[in-house]
PDB file of all heavy atoms in Angstrom:
ATOM      1  N   LYS A   1      -1.631  -2.897   5.274  1.00  0.00           N
ATOM      2  CA  LYS A   1      -2.401  -4.142   5.156  1.00  0.00           C
ATOM      3  C   LYS A   1      -3.905  -3.865   5.205  1.00  0.00           C
ATOM      4  O   LYS A   1      -4.660  -4.301   4.346  1.00  0.00           O
ATOM      5  CB  LYS A   1      -2.013  -5.116   6.263  1.00  0.00           C
ATOM      6  CG  LYS A   1      -2.751  -6.423   6.191  1.00  0.00           C
ATOM      7  CD  LYS A   1      -2.346  -7.351   7.322  1.00  0.00           C
ATOM      8  CE  LYS A   1      -3.168  -8.622   7.204  1.00  0.00           C
ATOM      9  NZ  LYS A   1      -3.166  -9.402   8.386  1.00  0.00           N
ATOM     10  N   LYS A   2      -4.326  -3.102   6.202  1.00  0.00           N
ATOM     11  CA  LYS A   2      -5.756  -2.813   6.355  1.00  0.00           C
ATOM     12  C   LYS A   2      -6.271  -1.991   5.188  1.00  0.00           C
ATOM     13  O   LYS A   2      -7.353  -2.235   4.664  1.00  0.00           O
ATOM     14  CB  LYS A   2      -6.014  -2.098   7.679  1.00  0.00           C
ATOM     15  CG  LYS A   2      -7.470  -1.941   7.984  1.00  0.00           C
ATOM     16  CD  LYS A   2      -7.703  -1.644   9.437  1.00  0.00           C
ATOM     17  CE  LYS A   2      -9.194  -1.627   9.683  1.00  0.00           C
ATOM     18  NZ  LYS A   2      -9.582  -2.115  10.957  1.00  0.00           N
ATOM     19  N   TYR A   3      -5.502  -1.005   4.762  1.00  0.00           N
ATOM     20  CA  TYR A   3      -5.911  -0.148   3.642  1.00  0.00           C
ATOM     21  C   TYR A   3      -6.087  -0.961   2.363  1.00  0.00           C
ATOM     22  O   TYR A   3      -7.082  -0.821   1.660  1.00  0.00           O
ATOM     23  CB  TYR A   3      -4.885   0.966   3.435  1.00  0.00           C
ATOM     24  CG  TYR A   3      -5.227   1.887   2.298  1.00  0.00           C
ATOM     25  CD1 TYR A   3      -6.122   2.932   2.480  1.00  0.00           C
ATOM     26  CD2 TYR A   3      -4.667   1.719   1.040  1.00  0.00           C
ATOM     27  CE1 TYR A   3      -6.449   3.781   1.443  1.00  0.00           C
ATOM     28  CE2 TYR A   3      -4.988   2.559  -0.002  1.00  0.00           C
ATOM     29  CZ  TYR A   3      -5.880   3.588   0.205  1.00  0.00           C
ATOM     30  OH  TYR A   3      -6.205   4.424  -0.841  1.00  0.00           O
ATOM     31  N   LEU A   4      -5.127  -1.818   2.061  1.00  0.00           N
ATOM     32  CA  LEU A   4      -5.194  -2.597   0.823  1.00  0.00           C
ATOM     33  C   LEU A   4      -6.263  -3.685   0.862  1.00  0.00           C
ATOM     34  O   LEU A   4      -6.822  -4.046  -0.169  1.00  0.00           O
ATOM     35  CB  LEU A   4      -3.831  -3.205   0.502  1.00  0.00           C
ATOM     36  CG  LEU A   4      -2.737  -2.206   0.138  1.00  0.00           C
ATOM     37  CD1 LEU A   4      -1.419  -2.922  -0.093  1.00  0.00           C
ATOM     38  CD2 LEU A   4      -3.122  -1.375  -1.077  1.00  0.00           C
ATOM     39  N   GLU A   5      -6.563  -4.190   2.043  1.00  0.00           N
ATOM     40  CA  GLU A   5      -7.575  -5.242   2.149  1.00  0.00           C
ATOM     41  C   GLU A   5      -8.994  -4.707   2.238  1.00  0.00           C
ATOM     42  O   GLU A   5      -9.935  -5.397   1.874  1.00  0.00           O
ATOM     43  CB  GLU A   5      -7.300  -6.112   3.382  1.00  0.00           C
ATOM     44  CG  GLU A   5      -6.108  -7.010   3.226  1.00  0.00           C
ATOM     45  CD  GLU A   5      -5.828  -7.828   4.480  1.00  0.00           C
ATOM     46  OE1 GLU A   5      -6.472  -7.596   5.522  1.00  0.00           O
ATOM     47  OE2 GLU A   5      -4.945  -8.697   4.405  1.00  0.00           O
ATOM     48  N   PHE A   6      -9.164  -3.491   2.727  1.00  0.00           N
ATOM     49  CA  PHE A   6     -10.505  -2.980   3.010  1.00  0.00           C
ATOM     50  C   PHE A   6     -11.364  -2.833   1.762  1.00  0.00           C
ATOM     51  O   PHE A   6     -12.459  -3.358   1.687  1.00  0.00           O
ATOM     52  CB  PHE A   6     -10.436  -1.636   3.735  1.00  0.00           C
ATOM     53  CG  PHE A   6     -11.796  -1.064   4.042  1.00  0.00           C
ATOM     54  CD1 PHE A   6     -12.556  -1.579   5.071  1.00  0.00           C
ATOM     55  CD2 PHE A   6     -12.317  -0.027   3.282  1.00  0.00           C
ATOM     56  CE1 PHE A   6     -13.807  -1.074   5.364  1.00  0.00           C
ATOM     57  CE2 PHE A   6     -13.568   0.482   3.563  1.00  0.00           C
ATOM     58  CZ  PHE A   6     -14.314  -0.037   4.601  1.00  0.00           C
ATOM     59  N   ASN A   7     -10.870  -2.102   0.807  1.00  0.00           N
ATOM     60  CA  ASN A   7     -11.671  -1.817  -0.384  1.00  0.00           C
ATOM     61  C   ASN A   7     -10.913  -2.290  -1.605  1.00  0.00           C
ATOM     62  O   ASN A   7     -10.193  -1.539  -2.237  1.00  0.00           O
ATOM     63  CB  ASN A   7     -11.979  -0.319  -0.454  1.00  0.00           C
ATOM     64  CG  ASN A   7     -12.992   0.012  -1.502  1.00  0.00           C
ATOM     65  OD1 ASN A   7     -13.305  -0.801  -2.364  1.00  0.00           O
ATOM     66  ND2 ASN A   7     -13.512   1.207  -1.449  1.00  0.00           N
ATOM     67  N   ARG A   8     -11.121  -3.505  -1.951  1.00  0.00           N
ATOM     68  CA  ARG A   8     -10.357  -4.121  -3.046  1.00  0.00           C
ATOM     69  C   ARG A   8     -10.662  -3.508  -4.407  1.00  0.00           C
ATOM     70  O   ARG A   8      -9.893  -3.633  -5.329  1.00  0.00           O
ATOM     71  CB  ARG A   8     -10.586  -5.616  -3.061  1.00  0.00           C
ATOM     72  CG  ARG A   8     -10.070  -6.297  -1.811  1.00  0.00           C
ATOM     73  CD  ARG A   8     -10.220  -7.800  -1.891  1.00  0.00           C
ATOM     74  NE  ARG A   8      -9.889  -8.426  -0.632  1.00  0.00           N
ATOM     75  CZ  ARG A   8      -8.652  -8.767  -0.274  1.00  0.00           C
ATOM     76  NH1 ARG A   8      -7.659  -8.547  -1.072  1.00  0.00           N
ATOM     77  NH2 ARG A   8      -8.446  -9.328   0.893  1.00  0.00           N
ATOM     78  N   GLY A   9     -11.786  -2.823  -4.544  1.00  0.00           N
ATOM     79  CA  GLY A   9     -12.149  -2.215  -5.817  1.00  0.00           C
ATOM     80  C   GLY A   9     -11.690  -0.777  -5.962  1.00  0.00           C
ATOM     81  O   GLY A   9     -11.941  -0.148  -6.978  1.00  0.00           O
ATOM     82  N   LEU A  10     -11.013  -0.246  -4.962  1.00  0.00           N
ATOM     83  CA  LEU A  10     -10.601   1.149  -4.965  1.00  0.00           C
ATOM     84  C   LEU A  10      -9.477   1.385  -5.982  1.00  0.00           C
ATOM     85  O   LEU A  10      -8.494   0.654  -6.022  1.00  0.00           O
ATOM     86  CB  LEU A  10     -10.106   1.536  -3.569  1.00  0.00           C
ATOM     87  CG  LEU A  10      -9.621   2.960  -3.364  1.00  0.00           C
ATOM     88  CD1 LEU A  10     -10.789   3.930  -3.466  1.00  0.00           C
ATOM     89  CD2 LEU A  10      -8.955   3.099  -2.017  1.00  0.00           C
ATOM     90  N   HIS A  11      -9.640   2.414  -6.805  1.00  0.00           N
ATOM     91  CA  HIS A  11      -8.562   2.825  -7.709  1.00  0.00           C
ATOM     92  C   HIS A  11      -7.723   3.855  -6.979  1.00  0.00           C
ATOM     93  O   HIS A  11      -8.244   4.846  -6.482  1.00  0.00           O
ATOM     94  CB  HIS A  11      -9.125   3.419  -9.002  1.00  0.00           C
ATOM     95  CG  HIS A  11      -9.742   2.396  -9.875  1.00  0.00           C
ATOM     96  ND1 HIS A  11      -9.004   1.510 -10.626  1.00  0.00           N
ATOM     97  CD2 HIS A  11     -11.033   2.081 -10.101  1.00  0.00           C
ATOM     98  CE1 HIS A  11      -9.813   0.705 -11.281  1.00  0.00           C
ATOM     99  NE2 HIS A  11     -11.062   1.032 -10.971  1.00  0.00           N
ATOM    100  N   MET A  12      -6.448   3.618  -6.918  1.00  0.00           N
ATOM    101  CA  MET A  12      -5.553   4.478  -6.147  1.00  0.00           C
ATOM    102  C   MET A  12      -4.939   5.561  -7.025  1.00  0.00           C
ATOM    103  O   MET A  12      -4.474   5.270  -8.120  1.00  0.00           O
ATOM    104  CB  MET A  12      -4.434   3.637  -5.545  1.00  0.00           C
ATOM    105  CG  MET A  12      -4.912   2.584  -4.578  1.00  0.00           C
ATOM    106  SD  MET A  12      -3.567   1.534  -3.994  1.00  0.00           S
ATOM    107  CE  MET A  12      -2.664   2.698  -2.987  1.00  0.00           C
ATOM    108  N   GLN A  13      -4.929   6.783  -6.527  1.00  0.00           N
ATOM    109  CA  GLN A  13      -4.251   7.853  -7.242  1.00  0.00           C
ATOM    110  C   GLN A  13      -2.766   7.880  -6.900  1.00  0.00           C
ATOM    111  O   GLN A  13      -1.942   8.135  -7.761  1.00  0.00           O
ATOM    112  CB  GLN A  13      -4.890   9.199  -6.923  1.00  0.00           C
ATOM    113  CG  GLN A  13      -6.230   9.387  -7.574  1.00  0.00           C
ATOM    114  CD  GLN A  13      -6.797  10.760  -7.305  1.00  0.00           C
ATOM    115  OE1 GLN A  13      -6.171  11.616  -6.687  1.00  0.00           O
ATOM    116  NE2 GLN A  13      -8.005  10.985  -7.774  1.00  0.00           N
ATOM    117  N   TYR A  14      -2.442   7.621  -5.628  1.00  0.00           N
ATOM    118  CA  TYR A  14      -1.035   7.654  -5.243  1.00  0.00           C
ATOM    119  C   TYR A  14      -0.745   6.618  -4.160  1.00  0.00           C
ATOM    120  O   TYR A  14      -1.617   6.236  -3.390  1.00  0.00           O
ATOM    121  CB  TYR A  14      -0.618   9.049  -4.766  1.00  0.00           C
ATOM    122  CG  TYR A  14      -1.410   9.561  -3.584  1.00  0.00           C
ATOM    123  CD1 TYR A  14      -0.989   9.311  -2.294  1.00  0.00           C
ATOM    124  CD2 TYR A  14      -2.575  10.296  -3.767  1.00  0.00           C
ATOM    125  CE1 TYR A  14      -1.721   9.765  -1.202  1.00  0.00           C
ATOM    126  CE2 TYR A  14      -3.310  10.761  -2.691  1.00  0.00           C
ATOM    127  CZ  TYR A  14      -2.876  10.492  -1.408  1.00  0.00           C
ATOM    128  OH  TYR A  14      -3.604  10.939  -0.341  1.00  0.00           O
ATOM    129  N   PHE A  15       0.491   6.182  -4.158  1.00  0.00           N
ATOM    130  CA  PHE A  15       0.987   5.257  -3.136  1.00  0.00           C
ATOM    131  C   PHE A  15       2.439   5.623  -2.899  1.00  0.00           C
ATOM    132  O   PHE A  15       3.269   5.534  -3.810  1.00  0.00           O
ATOM    133  CB  PHE A  15       0.850   3.809  -3.613  1.00  0.00           C
ATOM    134  CG  PHE A  15       1.159   2.778  -2.555  1.00  0.00           C
ATOM    135  CD1 PHE A  15       0.515   2.778  -1.336  1.00  0.00           C
ATOM    136  CD2 PHE A  15       2.095   1.788  -2.798  1.00  0.00           C
ATOM    137  CE1 PHE A  15       0.791   1.822  -0.365  1.00  0.00           C
ATOM    138  CE2 PHE A  15       2.377   0.819  -1.844  1.00  0.00           C
ATOM    139  CZ  PHE A  15       1.724   0.841  -0.624  1.00  0.00           C
ATOM    140  N   LYS A  16       2.745   6.107  -1.685  1.00  0.00           N
ATOM    141  CA  LYS A  16       4.085   6.569  -1.351  1.00  0.00           C
ATOM    142  C   LYS A  16       4.568   5.813  -0.126  1.00  0.00           C
ATOM    143  O   LYS A  16       3.917   5.856   0.924  1.00  0.00           O
ATOM    144  CB  LYS A  16       4.071   8.072  -1.051  1.00  0.00           C
ATOM    145  CG  LYS A  16       3.589   8.908  -2.224  1.00  0.00           C
ATOM    146  CD  LYS A  16       3.515  10.366  -1.854  1.00  0.00           C
ATOM    147  CE  LYS A  16       2.989  11.177  -3.011  1.00  0.00           C
ATOM    148  NZ  LYS A  16       2.961  12.611  -2.685  1.00  0.00           N
ATOM    149  N   VAL A  17       5.697   5.126  -0.259  1.00  0.00           N
ATOM    150  CA  VAL A  17       6.221   4.335   0.855  1.00  0.00           C
ATOM    151  C   VAL A  17       7.728   4.463   0.952  1.00  0.00           C
ATOM    152  O   VAL A  17       8.414   4.708  -0.028  1.00  0.00           O
ATOM    153  CB  VAL A  17       5.852   2.832   0.725  1.00  0.00           C
ATOM    154  CG1 VAL A  17       4.376   2.621   0.926  1.00  0.00           C
ATOM    155  CG2 VAL A  17       6.296   2.258  -0.594  1.00  0.00           C
ATOM    156  N   TYR A  18       8.223   4.290   2.170  1.00  0.00           N
ATOM    157  CA  TYR A  18       9.656   4.210   2.436  1.00  0.00           C
ATOM    158  C   TYR A  18       9.885   2.994   3.319  1.00  0.00           C
ATOM    159  O   TYR A  18       9.221   2.836   4.345  1.00  0.00           O
ATOM    160  CB  TYR A  18      10.169   5.458   3.168  1.00  0.00           C
ATOM    161  CG  TYR A  18      11.586   5.277   3.642  1.00  0.00           C
ATOM    162  CD1 TYR A  18      12.645   5.495   2.778  1.00  0.00           C
ATOM    163  CD2 TYR A  18      11.866   4.829   4.930  1.00  0.00           C
ATOM    164  CE1 TYR A  18      13.951   5.283   3.196  1.00  0.00           C
ATOM    165  CE2 TYR A  18      13.159   4.627   5.356  1.00  0.00           C
ATOM    166  CZ  TYR A  18      14.197   4.843   4.483  1.00  0.00           C
ATOM    167  OH  TYR A  18      15.478   4.627   4.884  1.00  0.00           O
ATOM    168  N   TYR A  19      10.811   2.131   2.922  1.00  0.00           N
ATOM    169  CA  TYR A  19      11.134   0.956   3.724  1.00  0.00           C
ATOM    170  C   TYR A  19      12.610   0.652   3.637  1.00  0.00           C
ATOM    171  O   TYR A  19      13.279   1.025   2.685  1.00  0.00           O
ATOM    172  CB  TYR A  19      10.316  -0.257   3.286  1.00  0.00           C
ATOM    173  CG  TYR A  19       8.910  -0.182   3.803  1.00  0.00           C
ATOM    174  CD1 TYR A  19       7.883   0.250   2.994  1.00  0.00           C
ATOM    175  CD2 TYR A  19       8.617  -0.496   5.123  1.00  0.00           C
ATOM    176  CE1 TYR A  19       6.591   0.356   3.483  1.00  0.00           C
ATOM    177  CE2 TYR A  19       7.339  -0.394   5.618  1.00  0.00           C
ATOM    178  CZ  TYR A  19       6.324   0.037   4.793  1.00  0.00           C
ATOM    179  OH  TYR A  19       5.062   0.152   5.284  1.00  0.00           O
ATOM    180  N   ASP A  20      13.091  -0.093   4.644  1.00  0.00           N
ATOM    181  CA  ASP A  20      14.503  -0.454   4.678  1.00  0.00           C
ATOM    182  C   ASP A  20      14.770  -1.678   3.802  1.00  0.00           C
ATOM    183  O   ASP A  20      13.863  -2.261   3.223  1.00  0.00           O
ATOM    184  CB  ASP A  20      14.993  -0.672   6.108  1.00  0.00           C
ATOM    185  CG  ASP A  20      14.378  -1.897   6.770  1.00  0.00           C
ATOM    186  OD1 ASP A  20      13.692  -2.689   6.089  1.00  0.00           O
ATOM    187  OD2 ASP A  20      14.580  -2.069   7.978  1.00  0.00           O
ATOM    188  N   ASP A  21      16.030  -2.054   3.719  1.00  0.00           N
ATOM    189  CA  ASP A  21      16.447  -3.157   2.850  1.00  0.00           C
ATOM    190  C   ASP A  21      15.746  -4.472   3.171  1.00  0.00           C
ATOM    191  O   ASP A  21      15.331  -5.195   2.268  1.00  0.00           O
ATOM    192  CB  ASP A  21      17.961  -3.379   2.949  1.00  0.00           C
ATOM    193  CG  ASP A  21      18.739  -2.183   2.427  1.00  0.00           C
ATOM    194  OD1 ASP A  21      18.142  -1.360   1.709  1.00  0.00           O
ATOM    195  OD2 ASP A  21      19.926  -2.073   2.754  1.00  0.00           O
ATOM    196  N   ASP A  22      15.620  -4.791   4.437  1.00  0.00           N
ATOM    197  CA  ASP A  22      15.007  -6.061   4.820  1.00  0.00           C
ATOM    198  C   ASP A  22      13.541  -6.128   4.395  1.00  0.00           C
ATOM    199  O   ASP A  22      13.053  -7.164   3.962  1.00  0.00           O
ATOM    200  CB  ASP A  22      15.115  -6.288   6.331  1.00  0.00           C
ATOM    201  CG  ASP A  22      16.559  -6.464   6.770  1.00  0.00           C
ATOM    202  OD1 ASP A  22      17.377  -6.910   5.940  1.00  0.00           O
ATOM    203  OD2 ASP A  22      16.865  -6.149   7.926  1.00  0.00           O
ATOM    204  N   THR A  23      12.830  -5.036   4.509  1.00  0.00           N
ATOM    205  CA  THR A  23      11.421  -5.005   4.133  1.00  0.00           C
ATOM    206  C   THR A  23      11.272  -5.133   2.628  1.00  0.00           C
ATOM    207  O   THR A  23      10.365  -5.799   2.137  1.00  0.00           O
ATOM    208  CB  THR A  23      10.755  -3.700   4.624  1.00  0.00           C
ATOM    209  OG1 THR A  23      11.000  -3.570   6.017  1.00  0.00           O
ATOM    210  CG2 THR A  23       9.266  -3.722   4.374  1.00  0.00           C
ATOM    211  N   VAL A  24      12.137  -4.476   1.865  1.00  0.00           N
ATOM    212  CA  VAL A  24      12.060  -4.534   0.406  1.00  0.00           C
ATOM    213  C   VAL A  24      12.201  -5.968  -0.092  1.00  0.00           C
ATOM    214  O   VAL A  24      11.563  -6.361  -1.059  1.00  0.00           O
ATOM    215  CB  VAL A  24      13.142  -3.633  -0.233  1.00  0.00           C
ATOM    216  CG1 VAL A  24      13.260  -3.888  -1.722  1.00  0.00           C
ATOM    217  CG2 VAL A  24      12.824  -2.178   0.033  1.00  0.00           C
TER     218      VAL A  24
END
């Protein structure tokens, strides 16, 4: 949340996440 909200103009090279069924 903080990362995505902090710099809204940032171009991301990578985004790697793991979450369970409920989160998805």
